[in-house]
Amino acid sequence: MTKNTFFNRVLQYIGKEEIRQRLHDDIIDPIMDHVMKRVFPYIILTCILFILLLIIVMVTLGIIIFHLRNPVSIPLAPV
């Protein structure tokens, strides 16, 4: 048996709907569920940090715009 015929048989076997559904239910779903349970807190933390960063940028932009509207006069010392 050559490598191509073995590969083709595996693809035909996996191509069946009942086998594909069983692989999905028994292997893919549990793995994805486990990964999401482990990664979800980090996703939430990343979103919170991104929102805080966005708020800091907006406050900084507001402060810059406020100071540009009221220019500060710097007294020059005589030379």
PDB file of N, CA and C in Angstrom:
ATOM      1  N   MET A   1       0.843  -1.163   0.000  1.00  0.00           N
ATOM      2  CA  MET A   1       0.000   0.000   0.000  1.00  0.00           C
ATOM      3  C   MET A   1       0.897   1.237   0.000  1.00  0.00           C
ATOM      4  N   THR A   2       0.669   2.128  -0.923  1.00  0.00           N
ATOM      5  CA  THR A   2       1.483   3.339  -0.994  1.00  0.00           C
ATOM      6  C   THR A   2       0.928   4.397  -0.052  1.00  0.00           C
ATOM      7  N   LYS A   3       1.720   5.424   0.109  1.00  0.00           N
ATOM      8  CA  LYS A   3       1.342   6.487   1.027  1.00  0.00           C
ATOM      9  C   LYS A   3       0.089   7.219   0.538  1.00  0.00           C
ATOM     10  N   ASN A   4      -0.026   7.431  -0.771  1.00  0.00           N
ATOM     11  CA  ASN A   4      -1.168   8.160  -1.308  1.00  0.00           C
ATOM     12  C   ASN A   4      -2.472   7.397  -1.108  1.00  0.00           C
ATOM     13  N   THR A   5      -2.457   6.083  -1.298  1.00  0.00           N
ATOM     14  CA  THR A   5      -3.697   5.328  -1.132  1.00  0.00           C
ATOM     15  C   THR A   5      -4.106   5.300   0.343  1.00  0.00           C
ATOM     16  N   PHE A   6      -3.159   5.185   1.244  1.00  0.00           N
ATOM     17  CA  PHE A   6      -3.477   5.227   2.670  1.00  0.00           C
ATOM     18  C   PHE A   6      -4.075   6.577   3.035  1.00  0.00           C
ATOM     19  N   PHE A   7      -3.465   7.641   2.549  1.00  0.00           N
ATOM     20  CA  PHE A   7      -3.946   8.997   2.821  1.00  0.00           C
ATOM     21  C   PHE A   7      -5.345   9.196   2.250  1.00  0.00           C
ATOM     22  N   ASN A   8      -5.568   8.692   1.048  1.00  0.00           N
ATOM     23  CA  ASN A   8      -6.896   8.807   0.434  1.00  0.00           C
ATOM     24  C   ASN A   8      -7.941   8.032   1.223  1.00  0.00           C
ATOM     25  N   ARG A   9      -7.590   6.874   1.731  1.00  0.00           N
ATOM     26  CA  ARG A   9      -8.535   6.096   2.542  1.00  0.00           C
ATOM     27  C   ARG A   9      -8.866   6.820   3.837  1.00  0.00           C
ATOM     28  N   VAL A  10      -7.855   7.414   4.438  1.00  0.00           N
ATOM     29  CA  VAL A  10      -8.106   8.167   5.673  1.00  0.00           C
ATOM     30  C   VAL A  10      -9.037   9.340   5.378  1.00  0.00           C
ATOM     31  N   LEU A  11      -8.795  10.047   4.287  1.00  0.00           N
ATOM     32  CA  LEU A  11      -9.648  11.174   3.924  1.00  0.00           C
ATOM     33  C   LEU A  11     -11.076  10.727   3.626  1.00  0.00           C
ATOM     34  N   GLN A  12     -11.234   9.592   2.961  1.00  0.00           N
ATOM     35  CA  GLN A  12     -12.575   9.076   2.690  1.00  0.00           C
ATOM     36  C   GLN A  12     -13.275   8.705   3.988  1.00  0.00           C
ATOM     37  N   TYR A  13     -12.532   8.106   4.923  1.00  0.00           N
ATOM     38  CA  TYR A  13     -13.111   7.705   6.204  1.00  0.00           C
ATOM     39  C   TYR A  13     -13.548   8.935   7.004  1.00  0.00           C
ATOM     40  N   ILE A  14     -12.701   9.945   7.040  1.00  0.00           N
ATOM     41  CA  ILE A  14     -13.019  11.168   7.781  1.00  0.00           C
ATOM     42  C   ILE A  14     -14.114  11.962   7.067  1.00  0.00           C
ATOM     43  N   GLY A  15     -14.231  11.800   5.777  1.00  0.00           N
ATOM     44  CA  GLY A  15     -15.233  12.523   5.005  1.00  0.00           C
ATOM     45  C   GLY A  15     -16.659  12.092   5.286  1.00  0.00           C
ATOM     46  N   LYS A  16     -16.848  10.941   5.904  1.00  0.00           N
ATOM     47  CA  LYS A  16     -18.202  10.483   6.222  1.00  0.00           C
ATOM     48  C   LYS A  16     -18.794  11.388   7.300  1.00  0.00           C
ATOM     49  N   GLU A  17     -20.059  11.701   7.144  1.00  0.00           N
ATOM     50  CA  GLU A  17     -20.725  12.641   8.048  1.00  0.00           C
ATOM     51  C   GLU A  17     -20.763  12.136   9.485  1.00  0.00           C
ATOM     52  N   GLU A  18     -21.065  10.855   9.684  1.00  0.00           N
ATOM     53  CA  GLU A  18     -21.154  10.336  11.054  1.00  0.00           C
ATOM     54  C   GLU A  18     -19.794  10.343  11.754  1.00  0.00           C
ATOM     55  N   ILE A  19     -18.729  10.063  11.017  1.00  0.00           N
ATOM     56  CA  ILE A  19     -17.381  10.087  11.592  1.00  0.00           C
ATOM     57  C   ILE A  19     -16.984  11.524  11.911  1.00  0.00           C
ATOM     58  N   ARG A  20     -17.282  12.435  11.009  1.00  0.00           N
ATOM     59  CA  ARG A  20     -16.955  13.844  11.218  1.00  0.00           C
ATOM     60  C   ARG A  20     -17.694  14.390  12.453  1.00  0.00           C
ATOM     61  N   GLN A  21     -18.962  14.017  12.593  1.00  0.00           N
ATOM     62  CA  GLN A  21     -19.731  14.466  13.746  1.00  0.00           C
ATOM     63  C   GLN A  21     -19.172  13.884  15.048  1.00  0.00           C
ATOM     64  N   ARG A  22     -18.783  12.622  15.012  1.00  0.00           N
ATOM     65  CA  ARG A  22     -18.216  11.992  16.205  1.00  0.00           C
ATOM     66  C   ARG A  22     -16.877  12.624  16.589  1.00  0.00           C
ATOM     67  N   LEU A  23     -16.025  12.915  15.596  1.00  0.00           N
ATOM     68  CA  LEU A  23     -14.762  13.606  15.870  1.00  0.00           C
ATOM     69  C   LEU A  23     -15.031  14.978  16.491  1.00  0.00           C
ATOM     70  N   HIS A  24     -16.025  15.648  15.945  1.00  0.00           N
ATOM     71  CA  HIS A  24     -16.368  16.975  16.451  1.00  0.00           C
ATOM     72  C   HIS A  24     -16.862  16.894  17.890  1.00  0.00           C
ATOM     73  N   ASP A  25     -17.741  15.947  18.179  1.00  0.00           N
ATOM     74  CA  ASP A  25     -18.325  15.826  19.519  1.00  0.00           C
ATOM     75  C   ASP A  25     -17.345  15.282  20.550  1.00  0.00           C
ATOM     76  N   ASP A  26     -16.499  14.329  20.153  1.00  0.00           N
ATOM     77  CA  ASP A  26     -15.635  13.643  21.119  1.00  0.00           C
ATOM     78  C   ASP A  26     -14.242  14.249  21.266  1.00  0.00           C
ATOM     79  N   ILE A  27     -13.780  14.978  20.254  1.00  0.00           N
ATOM     80  CA  ILE A  27     -12.407  15.496  20.307  1.00  0.00           C
ATOM     81  C   ILE A  27     -12.373  17.019  20.255  1.00  0.00           C
ATOM     82  N   ILE A  28     -12.950  17.600  19.230  1.00  0.00           N
ATOM     83  CA  ILE A  28     -12.791  19.037  18.998  1.00  0.00           C
ATOM     84  C   ILE A  28     -13.517  19.858  20.062  1.00  0.00           C
ATOM     85  N   ASP A  29     -14.790  19.525  20.356  1.00  0.00           N
ATOM     86  CA  ASP A  29     -15.547  20.292  21.355  1.00  0.00           C
ATOM     87  C   ASP A  29     -14.900  20.264  22.740  1.00  0.00           C
ATOM     88  N   PRO A  30     -14.501  19.106  23.259  1.00  0.00           N
ATOM     89  CA  PRO A  30     -13.854  19.134  24.586  1.00  0.00           C
ATOM     90  C   PRO A  30     -12.540  19.915  24.617  1.00  0.00           C
ATOM     91  N   ILE A  31     -11.769  19.823  23.550  1.00  0.00           N
ATOM     92  CA  ILE A  31     -10.502  20.562  23.499  1.00  0.00           C
ATOM     93  C   ILE A  31     -10.777  22.065  23.474  1.00  0.00           C
ATOM     94  N   MET A  32     -11.723  22.497  22.644  1.00  0.00           N
ATOM     95  CA  MET A  32     -12.045  23.919  22.559  1.00  0.00           C
ATOM     96  C   MET A  32     -12.634  24.424  23.875  1.00  0.00           C
ATOM     97  N   ASP A  33     -13.454  23.612  24.524  1.00  0.00           N
ATOM     98  CA  ASP A  33     -14.033  23.999  25.804  1.00  0.00           C
ATOM     99  C   ASP A  33     -12.931  24.185  26.848  1.00  0.00           C
ATOM    100  N   HIS A  34     -11.993  23.273  26.890  1.00  0.00           N
ATOM    101  CA  HIS A  34     -10.885  23.356  27.833  1.00  0.00           C
ATOM    102  C   HIS A  34     -10.018  24.589  27.555  1.00  0.00           C
ATOM    103  N   VAL A  35      -9.704  24.819  26.302  1.00  0.00           N
ATOM    104  CA  VAL A  35      -8.866  25.969  25.941  1.00  0.00           C
ATOM    105  C   VAL A  35      -9.577  27.271  26.303  1.00  0.00           C
ATOM    106  N   MET A  36     -10.867  27.375  26.025  1.00  0.00           N
ATOM    107  CA  MET A  36     -11.588  28.604  26.330  1.00  0.00           C
ATOM    108  C   MET A  36     -11.676  28.845  27.837  1.00  0.00           C
ATOM    109  N   LYS A  37     -11.829  27.780  28.619  1.00  0.00           N
ATOM    110  CA  LYS A  37     -11.859  27.948  30.075  1.00  0.00           C
ATOM    111  C   LYS A  37     -10.518  28.458  30.587  1.00  0.00           C
ATOM    112  N   ARG A  38      -9.432  28.055  29.970  1.00  0.00           N
ATOM    113  CA  ARG A  38      -8.099  28.485  30.422  1.00  0.00           C
ATOM    114  C   ARG A  38      -7.730  29.875  29.899  1.00  0.00           C
ATOM    115  N   VAL A  39      -8.215  30.253  28.723  1.00  0.00           N
ATOM    116  CA  VAL A  39      -7.805  31.497  28.080  1.00  0.00           C
ATOM    117  C   VAL A  39      -8.766  32.648  28.394  1.00  0.00           C
ATOM    118  N   PHE A  40     -10.026  32.358  28.722  1.00  0.00           N
ATOM    119  CA  PHE A  40     -11.038  33.393  28.903  1.00  0.00           C
ATOM    120  C   PHE A  40     -10.634  34.474  29.915  1.00  0.00           C
ATOM    121  N   PRO A  41     -10.062  34.134  31.078  1.00  0.00           N
ATOM    122  CA  PRO A  41      -9.657  35.213  32.001  1.00  0.00           C
ATOM    123  C   PRO A  41      -8.620  36.170  31.389  1.00  0.00           C
ATOM    124  N   TYR A  42      -7.744  35.651  30.581  1.00  0.00           N
ATOM    125  CA  TYR A  42      -6.748  36.509  29.942  1.00  0.00           C
ATOM    126  C   TYR A  42      -7.388  37.413  28.885  1.00  0.00           C
ATOM    127  N   ILE A  43      -8.404  36.919  28.209  1.00  0.00           N
ATOM    128  CA  ILE A  43      -9.126  37.738  27.232  1.00  0.00           C
ATOM    129  C   ILE A  43      -9.819  38.889  27.949  1.00  0.00           C
ATOM    130  N   ILE A  44     -10.471  38.596  29.074  1.00  0.00           N
ATOM    131  CA  ILE A  44     -11.145  39.637  29.851  1.00  0.00           C
ATOM    132  C   ILE A  44     -10.123  40.660  30.361  1.00  0.00           C
ATOM    133  N   LEU A  45      -9.004  40.194  30.891  1.00  0.00           N
ATOM    134  CA  LEU A  45      -7.961  41.089  31.386  1.00  0.00           C
ATOM    135  C   LEU A  45      -7.429  41.990  30.272  1.00  0.00           C
ATOM    136  N   THR A  46      -7.218  41.434  29.091  1.00  0.00           N
ATOM    137  CA  THR A  46      -6.740  42.217  27.956  1.00  0.00           C
ATOM    138  C   THR A  46      -7.749  43.283  27.560  1.00  0.00           C
ATOM    139  N   CYS A  47      -9.027  42.945  27.561  1.00  0.00           N
ATOM    140  CA  CYS A  47     -10.064  43.927  27.227  1.00  0.00           C
ATOM    141  C   CYS A  47     -10.096  45.056  28.256  1.00  0.00           C
ATOM    142  N   ILE A  48      -9.993  44.719  29.534  1.00  0.00           N
ATOM    143  CA  ILE A  48      -9.998  45.740  30.584  1.00  0.00           C
ATOM    144  C   ILE A  48      -8.787  46.666  30.437  1.00  0.00           C
ATOM    145  N   LEU A  49      -7.618  46.091  30.187  1.00  0.00           N
ATOM    146  CA  LEU A  49      -6.419  46.919  30.015  1.00  0.00           C
ATOM    147  C   LEU A  49      -6.523  47.810  28.782  1.00  0.00           C
ATOM    148  N   PHE A  50      -7.108  47.298  27.722  1.00  0.00           N
ATOM    149  CA  PHE A  50      -7.283  48.101  26.511  1.00  0.00           C
ATOM    150  C   PHE A  50      -8.229  49.267  26.774  1.00  0.00           C
ATOM    151  N   ILE A  51      -9.312  49.032  27.514  1.00  0.00           N
ATOM    152  CA  ILE A  51     -10.259  50.101  27.832  1.00  0.00           C
ATOM    153  C   ILE A  51      -9.598  51.144  28.724  1.00  0.00           C
ATOM    154  N   LEU A  52      -8.821  50.700  29.722  1.00  0.00           N
ATOM    155  CA  LEU A  52      -8.098  51.655  30.575  1.00  0.00           C
ATOM    156  C   LEU A  52      -7.103  52.487  29.776  1.00  0.00           C
ATOM    157  N   LEU A  53      -6.397  51.850  28.862  1.00  0.00           N
ATOM    158  CA  LEU A  53      -5.455  52.574  28.010  1.00  0.00           C
ATOM    159  C   LEU A  53      -6.182  53.602  27.152  1.00  0.00           C
ATOM    160  N   LEU A  54      -7.327  53.235  26.622  1.00  0.00           N
ATOM    161  CA  LEU A  54      -8.109  54.159  25.807  1.00  0.00           C
ATOM    162  C   LEU A  54      -8.582  55.347  26.637  1.00  0.00           C
ATOM    163  N   ILE A  55      -9.005  55.109  27.873  1.00  0.00           N
ATOM    164  CA  ILE A  55      -9.427  56.197  28.755  1.00  0.00           C
ATOM    165  C   ILE A  55      -8.251  57.121  29.066  1.00  0.00           C
ATOM    166  N   ILE A  56      -7.088  56.557  29.340  1.00  0.00           N
ATOM    167  CA  ILE A  56      -5.900  57.373  29.628  1.00  0.00           C
ATOM    168  C   ILE A  56      -5.521  58.228  28.424  1.00  0.00           C
ATOM    169  N   VAL A  57      -5.606  57.664  27.242  1.00  0.00           N
ATOM    170  CA  VAL A  57      -5.285  58.426  26.026  1.00  0.00           C
ATOM    171  C   VAL A  57      -6.275  59.565  25.845  1.00  0.00           C
ATOM    172  N   MET A  58      -7.561  59.312  26.079  1.00  0.00           N
ATOM    173  CA  MET A  58      -8.577  60.362  25.918  1.00  0.00           C
ATOM    174  C   MET A  58      -8.374  61.485  26.944  1.00  0.00           C
ATOM    175  N   VAL A  59      -8.061  61.131  28.188  1.00  0.00           N
ATOM    176  CA  VAL A  59      -7.813  62.152  29.220  1.00  0.00           C
ATOM    177  C   VAL A  59      -6.580  62.967  28.862  1.00  0.00           C
ATOM    178  N   THR A  60      -5.535  62.317  28.412  1.00  0.00           N
ATOM    179  CA  THR A  60      -4.319  63.022  28.011  1.00  0.00           C
ATOM    180  C   THR A  60      -4.600  63.959  26.836  1.00  0.00           C
ATOM    181  N   LEU A  61      -5.359  63.501  25.870  1.00  0.00           N
ATOM    182  CA  LEU A  61      -5.722  64.345  24.725  1.00  0.00           C
ATOM    183  C   LEU A  61      -6.549  65.536  25.190  1.00  0.00           C
ATOM    184  N   GLY A  62      -7.464  65.316  26.122  1.00  0.00           N
ATOM    185  CA  GLY A  62      -8.259  66.423  26.655  1.00  0.00           C
ATOM    186  C   GLY A  62      -7.406  67.444  27.366  1.00  0.00           C
ATOM    187  N   ILE A  63      -6.447  66.971  28.145  1.00  0.00           N
ATOM    188  CA  ILE A  63      -5.548  67.897  28.851  1.00  0.00           C
ATOM    189  C   ILE A  63      -4.719  68.698  27.860  1.00  0.00           C
ATOM    190  N   ILE A  64      -4.226  68.067  26.829  1.00  0.00           N
ATOM    191  CA  ILE A  64      -3.421  68.773  25.816  1.00  0.00           C
ATOM    192  C   ILE A  64      -4.261  69.818  25.105  1.00  0.00           C
ATOM    193  N   ILE A  65      -5.474  69.459  24.719  1.00  0.00           N
ATOM    194  CA  ILE A  65      -6.342  70.423  24.025  1.00  0.00           C
ATOM    195  C   ILE A  65      -6.700  71.584  24.952  1.00  0.00           C
ATOM    196  N   PHE A  66      -6.970  71.312  26.227  1.00  0.00           N
ATOM    197  CA  PHE A  66      -7.301  72.366  27.182  1.00  0.00           C
ATOM    198  C   PHE A  66      -6.135  73.342  27.349  1.00  0.00           C
ATOM    199  N   HIS A  67      -4.921  72.830  27.407  1.00  0.00           N
ATOM    200  CA  HIS A  67      -3.753  73.703  27.582  1.00  0.00           C
ATOM    201  C   HIS A  67      -3.421  74.466  26.304  1.00  0.00           C
ATOM    202  N   LEU A  68      -3.750  73.951  25.151  1.00  0.00           N
ATOM    203  CA  LEU A  68      -3.490  74.676  23.907  1.00  0.00           C
ATOM    204  C   LEU A  68      -4.454  75.847  23.747  1.00  0.00           C
ATOM    205  N   ARG A  69      -5.653  75.752  24.322  1.00  0.00           N
ATOM    206  CA  ARG A  69      -6.622  76.850  24.226  1.00  0.00           C
ATOM    207  C   ARG A  69      -6.203  78.018  25.118  1.00  0.00           C
ATOM    208  N   ASN A  70      -5.506  77.768  26.215  1.00  0.00           N
ATOM    209  CA  ASN A  70      -5.049  78.812  27.141  1.00  0.00           C
ATOM    210  C   ASN A  70      -3.517  78.786  27.165  1.00  0.00           C
ATOM    211  N   PRO A  71      -2.896  79.510  26.266  1.00  0.00           N
ATOM    212  CA  PRO A  71      -1.416  79.473  26.225  1.00  0.00           C
ATOM    213  C   PRO A  71      -0.827  80.096  27.487  1.00  0.00           C
ATOM    214  N   VAL A  72       0.256  79.508  27.909  1.00  0.00           N
ATOM    215  CA  VAL A  72       0.950  79.992  29.102  1.00  0.00           C
ATOM    216  C   VAL A  72       1.977  81.026  28.658  1.00  0.00           C
ATOM    217  N   SER A  73       1.961  82.202  29.317  1.00  0.00           N
ATOM    218  CA  SER A  73       2.953  83.229  28.964  1.00  0.00           C
ATOM    219  C   SER A  73       4.161  83.042  29.876  1.00  0.00           C
ATOM    220  N   ILE A  74       5.294  82.965  29.263  1.00  0.00           N
ATOM    221  CA  ILE A  74       6.543  82.777  29.993  1.00  0.00           C
ATOM    222  C   ILE A  74       7.256  84.126  30.022  1.00  0.00           C
ATOM    223  N   PRO A  75       7.442  84.678  31.230  1.00  0.00           N
ATOM    224  CA  PRO A  75       8.162  85.970  31.289  1.00  0.00           C
ATOM    225  C   PRO A  75       9.628  85.780  30.923  1.00  0.00           C
ATOM    226  N   LEU A  76      10.112  86.649  30.098  1.00  0.00           N
ATOM    227  CA  LEU A  76      11.516  86.579  29.681  1.00  0.00           C
ATOM    228  C   LEU A  76      12.355  87.439  30.618  1.00  0.00           C
ATOM    229  N   ALA A  77      13.432  86.893  31.071  1.00  0.00           N
ATOM    230  CA  ALA A  77      14.346  87.624  31.972  1.00  0.00           C
ATOM    231  C   ALA A  77      15.223  88.532  31.120  1.00  0.00           C
ATOM    232  N   PRO A  78      15.510  89.724  31.626  1.00  0.00           N
ATOM    233  CA  PRO A  78      16.416  90.602  30.853  1.00  0.00           C
ATOM    234  C   PRO A  78      17.830  90.035  30.803  1.00  0.00           C
ATOM    235  N   VAL A  79      18.427  90.220  29.679  1.00  0.00           N
ATOM    236  CA  VAL A  79      19.771  89.687  29.464  1.00  0.00           C
ATOM    237  C   VAL A  79      20.821  90.705  29.780  1.00  0.00           C
TER     238      VAL A  79
END
